[in-house]
Amino acid sequence: SHGSADPGFNEQEIRFRNLERRAMKLLQ
């Protein structure tokens, strides 16, 4: 639960989730 205190990680997770969604859509 330590992640909410790390803006650097939070930003990268948001970027990853956006990439994940778009990549799977492109593969489809």
mmCIF file of all heavy atoms, coordinates in Angstrom:
data_MODEL
# 
_entry.id   MODEL 
# 
loop_
_atom_site.group_PDB 
_atom_site.id 
_atom_site.type_symbol 
_atom_site.label_atom_id 
_atom_site.label_alt_id 
_atom_site.label_comp_id 
_atom_site.label_asym_id 
_atom_site.label_entity_id 
_atom_site.label_seq_id 
_atom_site.pdbx_PDB_ins_code 
_atom_site.Cartn_x 
_atom_site.Cartn_y 
_atom_site.Cartn_z 
_atom_site.occupancy 
_atom_site.B_iso_or_equiv 
_atom_site.pdbx_formal_charge 
_atom_site.auth_seq_id 
_atom_site.auth_comp_id 
_atom_site.auth_asym_id 
_atom_site.auth_atom_id 
_atom_site.pdbx_PDB_model_num 
ATOM 1   N N   . SER A 1 1  ? 0.822   -1.196 0.000   1.00 0.00 ? 1  SER A N   1 
ATOM 2   C CA  . SER A 1 1  ? 0.000   0.000  0.000   1.00 0.00 ? 1  SER A CA  1 
ATOM 3   C C   . SER A 1 1  ? 0.854   1.243  0.000   1.00 0.00 ? 1  SER A C   1 
ATOM 4   O O   . SER A 1 1  ? 0.361   2.360  -0.017  1.00 0.00 ? 1  SER A O   1 
ATOM 5   C CB  . SER A 1 1  ? -0.911  0.010  1.237   1.00 0.00 ? 1  SER A CB  1 
ATOM 6   O OG  . SER A 1 1  ? -0.124  -0.022 2.414   1.00 0.00 ? 1  SER A OG  1 
ATOM 7   N N   . HIS A 1 2  ? 2.205   1.032  0.056   1.00 0.00 ? 2  HIS A N   1 
ATOM 8   C CA  . HIS A 1 2  ? 3.170   2.121  0.125   1.00 0.00 ? 2  HIS A CA  1 
ATOM 9   C C   . HIS A 1 2  ? 3.135   2.967  -1.139  1.00 0.00 ? 2  HIS A C   1 
ATOM 10  O O   . HIS A 1 2  ? 3.646   4.078  -1.161  1.00 0.00 ? 2  HIS A O   1 
ATOM 11  C CB  . HIS A 1 2  ? 4.553   1.502  0.316   1.00 0.00 ? 2  HIS A CB  1 
ATOM 12  C CG  . HIS A 1 2  ? 5.626   2.476  0.699   1.00 0.00 ? 2  HIS A CG  1 
ATOM 13  N ND1 . HIS A 1 2  ? 5.648   3.133  1.897   1.00 0.00 ? 2  HIS A ND1 1 
ATOM 14  C CD2 . HIS A 1 2  ? 6.724   2.883  0.026   1.00 0.00 ? 2  HIS A CD2 1 
ATOM 15  C CE1 . HIS A 1 2  ? 6.725   3.902  1.957   1.00 0.00 ? 2  HIS A CE1 1 
ATOM 16  N NE2 . HIS A 1 2  ? 7.391   3.771  0.834   1.00 0.00 ? 2  HIS A NE2 1 
ATOM 17  N N   . GLY A 1 3  ? 2.520   2.449  -2.221  1.00 0.00 ? 3  GLY A N   1 
ATOM 18  C CA  . GLY A 1 3  ? 2.607   3.090  -3.526  1.00 0.00 ? 3  GLY A CA  1 
ATOM 19  C C   . GLY A 1 3  ? 1.988   4.464  -3.595  1.00 0.00 ? 3  GLY A C   1 
ATOM 20  O O   . GLY A 1 3  ? 2.413   5.310  -4.375  1.00 0.00 ? 3  GLY A O   1 
ATOM 21  N N   . SER A 1 4  ? 0.944   4.742  -2.800  1.00 0.00 ? 4  SER A N   1 
ATOM 22  C CA  . SER A 1 4  ? 0.284   6.034  -2.886  1.00 0.00 ? 4  SER A CA  1 
ATOM 23  C C   . SER A 1 4  ? 1.199   7.174  -2.488  1.00 0.00 ? 4  SER A C   1 
ATOM 24  O O   . SER A 1 4  ? 0.952   8.330  -2.808  1.00 0.00 ? 4  SER A O   1 
ATOM 25  C CB  . SER A 1 4  ? -0.978  6.038  -2.015  1.00 0.00 ? 4  SER A CB  1 
ATOM 26  O OG  . SER A 1 4  ? -0.618  5.783  -0.660  1.00 0.00 ? 4  SER A OG  1 
ATOM 27  N N   . ALA A 1 5  ? 2.297   6.861  -1.776  1.00 0.00 ? 5  ALA A N   1 
ATOM 28  C CA  . ALA A 1 5  ? 3.233   7.888  -1.329  1.00 0.00 ? 5  ALA A CA  1 
ATOM 29  C C   . ALA A 1 5  ? 4.337   8.125  -2.344  1.00 0.00 ? 5  ALA A C   1 
ATOM 30  O O   . ALA A 1 5  ? 5.263   8.875  -2.066  1.00 0.00 ? 5  ALA A O   1 
ATOM 31  C CB  . ALA A 1 5  ? 3.838   7.486  0.010   1.00 0.00 ? 5  ALA A CB  1 
ATOM 32  N N   . ASP A 1 6  ? 4.279   7.481  -3.500  1.00 0.00 ? 6  ASP A N   1 
ATOM 33  C CA  . ASP A 1 6  ? 5.339   7.581  -4.506  1.00 0.00 ? 6  ASP A CA  1 
ATOM 34  C C   . ASP A 1 6  ? 4.770   8.117  -5.817  1.00 0.00 ? 6  ASP A C   1 
ATOM 35  O O   . ASP A 1 6  ? 4.328   7.337  -6.662  1.00 0.00 ? 6  ASP A O   1 
ATOM 36  C CB  . ASP A 1 6  ? 5.979   6.207  -4.720  1.00 0.00 ? 6  ASP A CB  1 
ATOM 37  C CG  . ASP A 1 6  ? 7.247   6.303  -5.559  1.00 0.00 ? 6  ASP A CG  1 
ATOM 38  O OD1 . ASP A 1 6  ? 7.417   7.307  -6.275  1.00 0.00 ? 6  ASP A OD1 1 
ATOM 39  O OD2 . ASP A 1 6  ? 8.067   5.374  -5.499  1.00 0.00 ? 6  ASP A OD2 1 
ATOM 40  N N   . PRO A 1 7  ? 4.765   9.430  -6.004  1.00 0.00 ? 7  PRO A N   1 
ATOM 41  C CA  . PRO A 1 7  ? 4.213   10.000 -7.249  1.00 0.00 ? 7  PRO A CA  1 
ATOM 42  C C   . PRO A 1 7  ? 4.928   9.491  -8.491  1.00 0.00 ? 7  PRO A C   1 
ATOM 43  O O   . PRO A 1 7  ? 4.317   9.364  -9.554  1.00 0.00 ? 7  PRO A O   1 
ATOM 44  C CB  . PRO A 1 7  ? 4.428   11.510 -7.065  1.00 0.00 ? 7  PRO A CB  1 
ATOM 45  C CG  . PRO A 1 7  ? 4.548   11.704 -5.579  1.00 0.00 ? 7  PRO A CG  1 
ATOM 46  C CD  . PRO A 1 7  ? 5.220   10.465 -5.072  1.00 0.00 ? 7  PRO A CD  1 
ATOM 47  N N   . GLY A 1 8  ? 6.246   9.210  -8.360  1.00 0.00 ? 8  GLY A N   1 
ATOM 48  C CA  . GLY A 1 8  ? 6.993   8.717  -9.514  1.00 0.00 ? 8  GLY A CA  1 
ATOM 49  C C   . GLY A 1 8  ? 6.441   7.399  -10.018 1.00 0.00 ? 8  GLY A C   1 
ATOM 50  O O   . GLY A 1 8  ? 6.250   7.212  -11.220 1.00 0.00 ? 8  GLY A O   1 
ATOM 51  N N   . PHE A 1 9  ? 6.160   6.492  -9.094  1.00 0.00 ? 9  PHE A N   1 
ATOM 52  C CA  . PHE A 1 9  ? 5.579   5.217  -9.501  1.00 0.00 ? 9  PHE A CA  1 
ATOM 53  C C   . PHE A 1 9  ? 4.146   5.394  -9.998  1.00 0.00 ? 9  PHE A C   1 
ATOM 54  O O   . PHE A 1 9  ? 3.745   4.778  -10.991 1.00 0.00 ? 9  PHE A O   1 
ATOM 55  C CB  . PHE A 1 9  ? 5.581   4.208  -8.345  1.00 0.00 ? 9  PHE A CB  1 
ATOM 56  C CG  . PHE A 1 9  ? 4.777   2.979  -8.662  1.00 0.00 ? 9  PHE A CG  1 
ATOM 57  C CD1 . PHE A 1 9  ? 5.279   2.001  -9.496  1.00 0.00 ? 9  PHE A CD1 1 
ATOM 58  C CD2 . PHE A 1 9  ? 3.480   2.842  -8.178  1.00 0.00 ? 9  PHE A CD2 1 
ATOM 59  C CE1 . PHE A 1 9  ? 4.523   0.874  -9.820  1.00 0.00 ? 9  PHE A CE1 1 
ATOM 60  C CE2 . PHE A 1 9  ? 2.721   1.721  -8.494  1.00 0.00 ? 9  PHE A CE2 1 
ATOM 61  C CZ  . PHE A 1 9  ? 3.246   0.737  -9.316  1.00 0.00 ? 9  PHE A CZ  1 
ATOM 62  N N   . ASN A 1 10 ? 3.363   6.206  -9.306  1.00 0.00 ? 10 ASN A N   1 
ATOM 63  C CA  . ASN A 1 10 ? 1.960   6.402  -9.701  1.00 0.00 ? 10 ASN A CA  1 
ATOM 64  C C   . ASN A 1 10 ? 1.857   6.891  -11.139 1.00 0.00 ? 10 ASN A C   1 
ATOM 65  O O   . ASN A 1 10 ? 0.998   6.456  -11.910 1.00 0.00 ? 10 ASN A O   1 
ATOM 66  C CB  . ASN A 1 10 ? 1.284   7.392  -8.756  1.00 0.00 ? 10 ASN A CB  1 
ATOM 67  C CG  . ASN A 1 10 ? 1.128   6.845  -7.345  1.00 0.00 ? 10 ASN A CG  1 
ATOM 68  O OD1 . ASN A 1 10 ? 1.226   5.644  -7.136  1.00 0.00 ? 10 ASN A OD1 1 
ATOM 69  N ND2 . ASN A 1 10 ? 0.915   7.721  -6.398  1.00 0.00 ? 10 ASN A ND2 1 
ATOM 70  N N   . GLU A 1 11 ? 2.748   7.796  -11.505 1.00 0.00 ? 11 GLU A N   1 
ATOM 71  C CA  . GLU A 1 11 ? 2.756   8.312  -12.881 1.00 0.00 ? 11 GLU A CA  1 
ATOM 72  C C   . GLU A 1 11 ? 3.065   7.197  -13.877 1.00 0.00 ? 11 GLU A C   1 
ATOM 73  O O   . GLU A 1 11 ? 2.416   7.076  -14.926 1.00 0.00 ? 11 GLU A O   1 
ATOM 74  C CB  . GLU A 1 11 ? 3.793   9.430  -13.014 1.00 0.00 ? 11 GLU A CB  1 
ATOM 75  C CG  . GLU A 1 11 ? 3.913   9.976  -14.443 1.00 0.00 ? 11 GLU A CG  1 
ATOM 76  C CD  . GLU A 1 11 ? 5.042   10.972 -14.590 1.00 0.00 ? 11 GLU A CD  1 
ATOM 77  O OE1 . GLU A 1 11 ? 5.696   11.286 -13.583 1.00 0.00 ? 11 GLU A OE1 1 
ATOM 78  O OE2 . GLU A 1 11 ? 5.272   11.419 -15.732 1.00 0.00 ? 11 GLU A OE2 1 
ATOM 79  N N   . GLN A 1 12 ? 4.071   6.366  -13.543 1.00 0.00 ? 12 GLN A N   1 
ATOM 80  C CA  . GLN A 1 12 ? 4.445   5.290  -14.454 1.00 0.00 ? 12 GLN A CA  1 
ATOM 81  C C   . GLN A 1 12 ? 3.351   4.228  -14.557 1.00 0.00 ? 12 GLN A C   1 
ATOM 82  O O   . GLN A 1 12 ? 3.144   3.654  -15.624 1.00 0.00 ? 12 GLN A O   1 
ATOM 83  C CB  . GLN A 1 12 ? 5.762   4.659  -13.998 1.00 0.00 ? 12 GLN A CB  1 
ATOM 84  C CG  . GLN A 1 12 ? 6.951   5.589  -14.069 1.00 0.00 ? 12 GLN A CG  1 
ATOM 85  C CD  . GLN A 1 12 ? 7.133   6.213  -15.441 1.00 0.00 ? 12 GLN A CD  1 
ATOM 86  O OE1 . GLN A 1 12 ? 6.880   5.590  -16.470 1.00 0.00 ? 12 GLN A OE1 1 
ATOM 87  N NE2 . GLN A 1 12 ? 7.570   7.468  -15.465 1.00 0.00 ? 12 GLN A NE2 1 
ATOM 88  N N   . GLU A 1 13 ? 2.656   3.977  -13.465 1.00 0.00 ? 13 GLU A N   1 
ATOM 89  C CA  . GLU A 1 13 ? 1.569   2.998  -13.527 1.00 0.00 ? 13 GLU A CA  1 
ATOM 90  C C   . GLU A 1 13 ? 0.449   3.489  -14.432 1.00 0.00 ? 13 GLU A C   1 
ATOM 91  O O   . GLU A 1 13 ? -0.119  2.720  -15.216 1.00 0.00 ? 13 GLU A O   1 
ATOM 92  C CB  . GLU A 1 13 ? 1.016   2.691  -12.137 1.00 0.00 ? 13 GLU A CB  1 
ATOM 93  C CG  . GLU A 1 13 ? -0.073  1.618  -12.186 1.00 0.00 ? 13 GLU A CG  1 
ATOM 94  C CD  . GLU A 1 13 ? -0.663  1.272  -10.841 1.00 0.00 ? 13 GLU A CD  1 
ATOM 95  O OE1 . GLU A 1 13 ? -0.464  2.055  -9.893  1.00 0.00 ? 13 GLU A OE1 1 
ATOM 96  O OE2 . GLU A 1 13 ? -1.335  0.226  -10.742 1.00 0.00 ? 13 GLU A OE2 1 
ATOM 97  N N   . ILE A 1 14 ? 0.125   4.787  -14.345 1.00 0.00 ? 14 ILE A N   1 
ATOM 98  C CA  . ILE A 1 14 ? -0.912  5.347  -15.219 1.00 0.00 ? 14 ILE A CA  1 
ATOM 99  C C   . ILE A 1 14 ? -0.487  5.210  -16.678 1.00 0.00 ? 14 ILE A C   1 
ATOM 100 O O   . ILE A 1 14 ? -1.277  4.820  -17.549 1.00 0.00 ? 14 ILE A O   1 
ATOM 101 C CB  . ILE A 1 14 ? -1.171  6.822  -14.863 1.00 0.00 ? 14 ILE A CB  1 
ATOM 102 C CG1 . ILE A 1 14 ? -1.856  6.921  -13.494 1.00 0.00 ? 14 ILE A CG1 1 
ATOM 103 C CG2 . ILE A 1 14 ? -2.033  7.493  -15.935 1.00 0.00 ? 14 ILE A CG2 1 
ATOM 104 C CD1 . ILE A 1 14 ? -1.970  8.342  -12.971 1.00 0.00 ? 14 ILE A CD1 1 
ATOM 105 N N   . ARG A 1 15 ? 0.760   5.508  -16.958 1.00 0.00 ? 15 ARG A N   1 
ATOM 106 C CA  . ARG A 1 15 ? 1.270   5.383  -18.326 1.00 0.00 ? 15 ARG A CA  1 
ATOM 107 C C   . ARG A 1 15 ? 1.208   3.932  -18.797 1.00 0.00 ? 15 ARG A C   1 
ATOM 108 O O   . ARG A 1 15 ? 0.852   3.660  -19.948 1.00 0.00 ? 15 ARG A O   1 
ATOM 109 C CB  . ARG A 1 15 ? 2.712   5.896  -18.406 1.00 0.00 ? 15 ARG A CB  1 
ATOM 110 C CG  . ARG A 1 15 ? 2.887   7.374  -18.124 1.00 0.00 ? 15 ARG A CG  1 
ATOM 111 C CD  . ARG A 1 15 ? 4.342   7.780  -18.301 1.00 0.00 ? 15 ARG A CD  1 
ATOM 112 N NE  . ARG A 1 15 ? 4.737   7.676  -19.696 1.00 0.00 ? 15 ARG A NE  1 
ATOM 113 C CZ  . ARG A 1 15 ? 6.010   7.544  -20.100 1.00 0.00 ? 15 ARG A CZ  1 
ATOM 114 N NH1 . ARG A 1 15 ? 6.980   7.442  -19.214 1.00 0.00 ? 15 ARG A NH1 1 
ATOM 115 N NH2 . ARG A 1 15 ? 6.288   7.460  -21.392 1.00 0.00 ? 15 ARG A NH2 1 
ATOM 116 N N   . PHE A 1 16 ? 1.566   3.015  -17.906 1.00 0.00 ? 16 PHE A N   1 
ATOM 117 C CA  . PHE A 1 16 ? 1.525   1.598  -18.272 1.00 0.00 ? 16 PHE A CA  1 
ATOM 118 C C   . PHE A 1 16 ? 0.104   1.150  -18.561 1.00 0.00 ? 16 PHE A C   1 
ATOM 119 O O   . PHE A 1 16 ? -0.140  0.422  -19.538 1.00 0.00 ? 16 PHE A O   1 
ATOM 120 C CB  . PHE A 1 16 ? 2.111   0.737  -17.150 1.00 0.00 ? 16 PHE A CB  1 
ATOM 121 C CG  . PHE A 1 16 ? 1.906   -0.739 -17.379 1.00 0.00 ? 16 PHE A CG  1 
ATOM 122 C CD1 . PHE A 1 16 ? 2.649   -1.423 -18.331 1.00 0.00 ? 16 PHE A CD1 1 
ATOM 123 C CD2 . PHE A 1 16 ? 0.932   -1.438 -16.674 1.00 0.00 ? 16 PHE A CD2 1 
ATOM 124 C CE1 . PHE A 1 16 ? 2.440   -2.775 -18.565 1.00 0.00 ? 16 PHE A CE1 1 
ATOM 125 C CE2 . PHE A 1 16 ? 0.719   -2.789 -16.896 1.00 0.00 ? 16 PHE A CE2 1 
ATOM 126 C CZ  . PHE A 1 16 ? 1.478   -3.467 -17.847 1.00 0.00 ? 16 PHE A CZ  1 
ATOM 127 N N   . ARG A 1 17 ? -0.854  1.547  -17.744 1.00 0.00 ? 17 ARG A N   1 
ATOM 128 C CA  . ARG A 1 17 ? -2.240  1.122  -17.955 1.00 0.00 ? 17 ARG A CA  1 
ATOM 129 C C   . ARG A 1 17 ? -2.775  1.675  -19.272 1.00 0.00 ? 17 ARG A C   1 
ATOM 130 O O   . ARG A 1 17 ? -3.535  0.995  -19.982 1.00 0.00 ? 17 ARG A O   1 
ATOM 131 C CB  . ARG A 1 17 ? -3.120  1.569  -16.784 1.00 0.00 ? 17 ARG A CB  1 
ATOM 132 C CG  . ARG A 1 17 ? -2.778  0.897  -15.454 1.00 0.00 ? 17 ARG A CG  1 
ATOM 133 C CD  . ARG A 1 17 ? -2.801  -0.617 -15.566 1.00 0.00 ? 17 ARG A CD  1 
ATOM 134 N NE  . ARG A 1 17 ? -2.440  -1.259 -14.299 1.00 0.00 ? 17 ARG A NE  1 
ATOM 135 C CZ  . ARG A 1 17 ? -2.168  -2.540 -14.173 1.00 0.00 ? 17 ARG A CZ  1 
ATOM 136 N NH1 . ARG A 1 17 ? -2.192  -3.347 -15.224 1.00 0.00 ? 17 ARG A NH1 1 
ATOM 137 N NH2 . ARG A 1 17 ? -1.848  -3.043 -12.983 1.00 0.00 ? 17 ARG A NH2 1 
ATOM 138 N N   . ASN A 1 18 ? -2.404  2.893  -19.612 1.00 0.00 ? 18 ASN A N   1 
ATOM 139 C CA  . ASN A 1 18 ? -2.815  3.454  -20.908 1.00 0.00 ? 18 ASN A CA  1 
ATOM 140 C C   . ASN A 1 18 ? -2.198  2.660  -22.054 1.00 0.00 ? 18 ASN A C   1 
ATOM 141 O O   . ASN A 1 18 ? -2.873  2.350  -23.049 1.00 0.00 ? 18 ASN A O   1 
ATOM 142 C CB  . ASN A 1 18 ? -2.400  4.922  -21.009 1.00 0.00 ? 18 ASN A CB  1 
ATOM 143 C CG  . ASN A 1 18 ? -3.236  5.830  -20.127 1.00 0.00 ? 18 ASN A CG  1 
ATOM 144 O OD1 . ASN A 1 18 ? -4.385  5.519  -19.807 1.00 0.00 ? 18 ASN A OD1 1 
ATOM 145 N ND2 . ASN A 1 18 ? -2.680  6.956  -19.720 1.00 0.00 ? 18 ASN A ND2 1 
ATOM 146 N N   . LEU A 1 19 ? -0.916  2.335  -21.926 1.00 0.00 ? 19 LEU A N   1 
ATOM 147 C CA  . LEU A 1 19 ? -0.245  1.532  -22.952 1.00 0.00 ? 19 LEU A CA  1 
ATOM 148 C C   . LEU A 1 19 ? -0.892  0.163  -23.063 1.00 0.00 ? 19 LEU A C   1 
ATOM 149 O O   . LEU A 1 19 ? -1.153  -0.321 -24.176 1.00 0.00 ? 19 LEU A O   1 
ATOM 150 C CB  . LEU A 1 19 ? 1.230   1.372  -22.590 1.00 0.00 ? 19 LEU A CB  1 
ATOM 151 C CG  . LEU A 1 19 ? 2.010   0.380  -23.462 1.00 0.00 ? 19 LEU A CG  1 
ATOM 152 C CD1 . LEU A 1 19 ? 2.300   0.994  -24.821 1.00 0.00 ? 19 LEU A CD1 1 
ATOM 153 C CD2 . LEU A 1 19 ? 3.312   -0.038 -22.777 1.00 0.00 ? 19 LEU A CD2 1 
ATOM 154 N N   . GLU A 1 20 ? -1.165  -0.466 -21.940 1.00 0.00 ? 20 GLU A N   1 
ATOM 155 C CA  . GLU A 1 20 ? -1.755  -1.803 -21.921 1.00 0.00 ? 20 GLU A CA  1 
ATOM 156 C C   . GLU A 1 20 ? -3.085  -1.811 -22.665 1.00 0.00 ? 20 GLU A C   1 
ATOM 157 O O   . GLU A 1 20 ? -3.342  -2.692 -23.497 1.00 0.00 ? 20 GLU A O   1 
ATOM 158 C CB  . GLU A 1 20 ? -1.955  -2.225 -20.465 1.00 0.00 ? 20 GLU A CB  1 
ATOM 159 C CG  . GLU A 1 20 ? -2.495  -3.626 -20.277 1.00 0.00 ? 20 GLU A CG  1 
ATOM 160 C CD  . GLU A 1 20 ? -2.679  -3.946 -18.808 1.00 0.00 ? 20 GLU A CD  1 
ATOM 161 O OE1 . GLU A 1 20 ? -3.150  -3.060 -18.047 1.00 0.00 ? 20 GLU A OE1 1 
ATOM 162 O OE2 . GLU A 1 20 ? -2.359  -5.083 -18.408 1.00 0.00 ? 20 GLU A OE2 1 
ATOM 163 N N   . ARG A 1 21 ? -3.929  -0.833 -22.384 1.00 0.00 ? 21 ARG A N   1 
ATOM 164 C CA  . ARG A 1 21 ? -5.249  -0.769 -23.019 1.00 0.00 ? 21 ARG A CA  1 
ATOM 165 C C   . ARG A 1 21 ? -5.116  -0.563 -24.533 1.00 0.00 ? 21 ARG A C   1 
ATOM 166 O O   . ARG A 1 21 ? -5.780  -1.245 -25.326 1.00 0.00 ? 21 ARG A O   1 
ATOM 167 C CB  . ARG A 1 21 ? -6.051  0.376  -22.400 1.00 0.00 ? 21 ARG A CB  1 
ATOM 168 C CG  . ARG A 1 21 ? -7.479  0.485  -22.935 1.00 0.00 ? 21 ARG A CG  1 
ATOM 169 C CD  . ARG A 1 21 ? -8.243  1.610  -22.282 1.00 0.00 ? 21 ARG A CD  1 
ATOM 170 N NE  . ARG A 1 21 ? -7.681  2.922  -22.580 1.00 0.00 ? 21 ARG A NE  1 
ATOM 171 C CZ  . ARG A 1 21 ? -6.953  3.640  -21.741 1.00 0.00 ? 21 ARG A CZ  1 
ATOM 172 N NH1 . ARG A 1 21 ? -6.676  3.186  -20.528 1.00 0.00 ? 21 ARG A NH1 1 
ATOM 173 N NH2 . ARG A 1 21 ? -6.482  4.819  -22.090 1.00 0.00 ? 21 ARG A NH2 1 
ATOM 174 N N   . ARG A 1 22 ? -4.251  0.338  -24.938 1.00 0.00 ? 22 ARG A N   1 
ATOM 175 C CA  . ARG A 1 22 ? -4.116  0.634  -26.370 1.00 0.00 ? 22 ARG A CA  1 
ATOM 176 C C   . ARG A 1 22 ? -3.437  -0.506 -27.121 1.00 0.00 ? 22 ARG A C   1 
ATOM 177 O O   . ARG A 1 22 ? -3.802  -0.798 -28.270 1.00 0.00 ? 22 ARG A O   1 
ATOM 178 C CB  . ARG A 1 22 ? -3.320  1.931  -26.537 1.00 0.00 ? 22 ARG A CB  1 
ATOM 179 C CG  . ARG A 1 22 ? -4.057  3.160  -26.032 1.00 0.00 ? 22 ARG A CG  1 
ATOM 180 C CD  . ARG A 1 22 ? -3.166  4.376  -26.009 1.00 0.00 ? 22 ARG A CD  1 
ATOM 181 N NE  . ARG A 1 22 ? -3.870  5.552  -25.496 1.00 0.00 ? 22 ARG A NE  1 
ATOM 182 C CZ  . ARG A 1 22 ? -3.291  6.717  -25.217 1.00 0.00 ? 22 ARG A CZ  1 
ATOM 183 N NH1 . ARG A 1 22 ? -1.988  6.852  -25.398 1.00 0.00 ? 22 ARG A NH1 1 
ATOM 184 N NH2 . ARG A 1 22 ? -3.999  7.728  -24.752 1.00 0.00 ? 22 ARG A NH2 1 
ATOM 185 N N   . ALA A 1 23 ? -2.465  -1.135 -26.491 1.00 0.00 ? 23 ALA A N   1 
ATOM 186 C CA  . ALA A 1 23 ? -1.760  -2.238 -27.144 1.00 0.00 ? 23 ALA A CA  1 
ATOM 187 C C   . ALA A 1 23 ? -2.694  -3.420 -27.383 1.00 0.00 ? 23 ALA A C   1 
ATOM 188 O O   . ALA A 1 23 ? -2.684  -4.025 -28.465 1.00 0.00 ? 23 ALA A O   1 
ATOM 189 C CB  . ALA A 1 23 ? -0.562  -2.665 -26.304 1.00 0.00 ? 23 ALA A CB  1 
ATOM 190 N N   . MET A 1 24 ? -3.500  -3.755 -26.386 1.00 0.00 ? 24 MET A N   1 
ATOM 191 C CA  . MET A 1 24 ? -4.422  -4.878 -26.547 1.00 0.00 ? 24 MET A CA  1 
ATOM 192 C C   . MET A 1 24 ? -5.497  -4.561 -27.587 1.00 0.00 ? 24 MET A C   1 
ATOM 193 O O   . MET A 1 24 ? -5.931  -5.448 -28.329 1.00 0.00 ? 24 MET A O   1 
ATOM 194 C CB  . MET A 1 24 ? -5.063  -5.234 -25.211 1.00 0.00 ? 24 MET A CB  1 
ATOM 195 C CG  . MET A 1 24 ? -4.065  -5.708 -24.154 1.00 0.00 ? 24 MET A CG  1 
ATOM 196 S SD  . MET A 1 24 ? -2.951  -7.021 -24.732 1.00 0.00 ? 24 MET A SD  1 
ATOM 197 C CE  . MET A 1 24 ? -4.140  -8.340 -25.043 1.00 0.00 ? 24 MET A CE  1 
ATOM 198 N N   . LYS A 1 25 ? -5.910  -3.307 -27.650 1.00 0.00 ? 25 LYS A N   1 
ATOM 199 C CA  . LYS A 1 25 ? -6.880  -2.907 -28.673 1.00 0.00 ? 25 LYS A CA  1 
ATOM 200 C C   . LYS A 1 25 ? -6.267  -3.028 -30.067 1.00 0.00 ? 25 LYS A C   1 
ATOM 201 O O   . LYS A 1 25 ? -6.912  -3.519 -31.011 1.00 0.00 ? 25 LYS A O   1 
ATOM 202 C CB  . LYS A 1 25 ? -7.325  -1.465 -28.420 1.00 0.00 ? 25 LYS A CB  1 
ATOM 203 C CG  . LYS A 1 25 ? -8.288  -0.904 -29.454 1.00 0.00 ? 25 LYS A CG  1 
ATOM 204 C CD  . LYS A 1 25 ? -9.611  -1.647 -29.467 1.00 0.00 ? 25 LYS A CD  1 
ATOM 205 C CE  . LYS A 1 25 ? -10.608 -0.988 -30.413 1.00 0.00 ? 25 LYS A CE  1 
ATOM 206 N NZ  . LYS A 1 25 ? -11.859 -1.771 -30.530 1.00 0.00 ? 25 LYS A NZ  1 
ATOM 207 N N   . LEU A 1 26 ? -5.007  -2.594 -30.206 1.00 0.00 ? 26 LEU A N   1 
ATOM 208 C CA  . LEU A 1 26 ? -4.330  -2.693 -31.497 1.00 0.00 ? 26 LEU A CA  1 
ATOM 209 C C   . LEU A 1 26 ? -4.147  -4.147 -31.906 1.00 0.00 ? 26 LEU A C   1 
ATOM 210 O O   . LEU A 1 26 ? -4.351  -4.504 -33.077 1.00 0.00 ? 26 LEU A O   1 
ATOM 211 C CB  . LEU A 1 26 ? -2.976  -1.987 -31.431 1.00 0.00 ? 26 LEU A CB  1 
ATOM 212 C CG  . LEU A 1 26 ? -2.150  -1.984 -32.717 1.00 0.00 ? 26 LEU A CG  1 
ATOM 213 C CD1 . LEU A 1 26 ? -2.921  -1.338 -33.866 1.00 0.00 ? 26 LEU A CD1 1 
ATOM 214 C CD2 . LEU A 1 26 ? -0.816  -1.259 -32.491 1.00 0.00 ? 26 LEU A CD2 1 
ATOM 215 N N   . LEU A 1 27 ? -3.784  -5.007 -30.960 1.00 0.00 ? 27 LEU A N   1 
ATOM 216 C CA  . LEU A 1 27 ? -3.639  -6.432 -31.267 1.00 0.00 ? 27 LEU A CA  1 
ATOM 217 C C   . LEU A 1 27 ? -4.964  -7.017 -31.726 1.00 0.00 ? 27 LEU A C   1 
ATOM 218 O O   . LEU A 1 27 ? -5.014  -7.811 -32.680 1.00 0.00 ? 27 LEU A O   1 
ATOM 219 C CB  . LEU A 1 27 ? -3.133  -7.182 -30.033 1.00 0.00 ? 27 LEU A CB  1 
ATOM 220 C CG  . LEU A 1 27 ? -2.939  -8.694 -30.194 1.00 0.00 ? 27 LEU A CG  1 
ATOM 221 C CD1 . LEU A 1 27 ? -1.915  -9.004 -31.284 1.00 0.00 ? 27 LEU A CD1 1 
ATOM 222 C CD2 . LEU A 1 27 ? -2.518  -9.325 -28.867 1.00 0.00 ? 27 LEU A CD2 1 
ATOM 223 N N   . GLN A 1 28 ? -6.031  -6.628 -31.066 1.00 0.00 ? 28 GLN A N   1 
ATOM 224 C CA  . GLN A 1 28 ? -7.362  -7.102 -31.459 1.00 0.00 ? 28 GLN A CA  1 
ATOM 225 C C   . GLN A 1 28 ? -7.700  -6.661 -32.878 1.00 0.00 ? 28 GLN A C   1 
ATOM 226 O O   . GLN A 1 28 ? -8.255  -7.435 -33.669 1.00 0.00 ? 28 GLN A O   1 
ATOM 227 C CB  . GLN A 1 28 ? -8.403  -6.569 -30.476 1.00 0.00 ? 28 GLN A CB  1 
ATOM 228 C CG  . GLN A 1 28 ? -9.832  -6.993 -30.787 1.00 0.00 ? 28 GLN A CG  1 
ATOM 229 C CD  . GLN A 1 28 ? -10.840 -6.379 -29.821 1.00 0.00 ? 28 GLN A CD  1 
ATOM 230 O OE1 . GLN A 1 28 ? -10.482 -5.624 -28.915 1.00 0.00 ? 28 GLN A OE1 1 
ATOM 231 N NE2 . GLN A 1 28 ? -12.103 -6.691 -30.018 1.00 0.00 ? 28 GLN A NE2 1 
# 
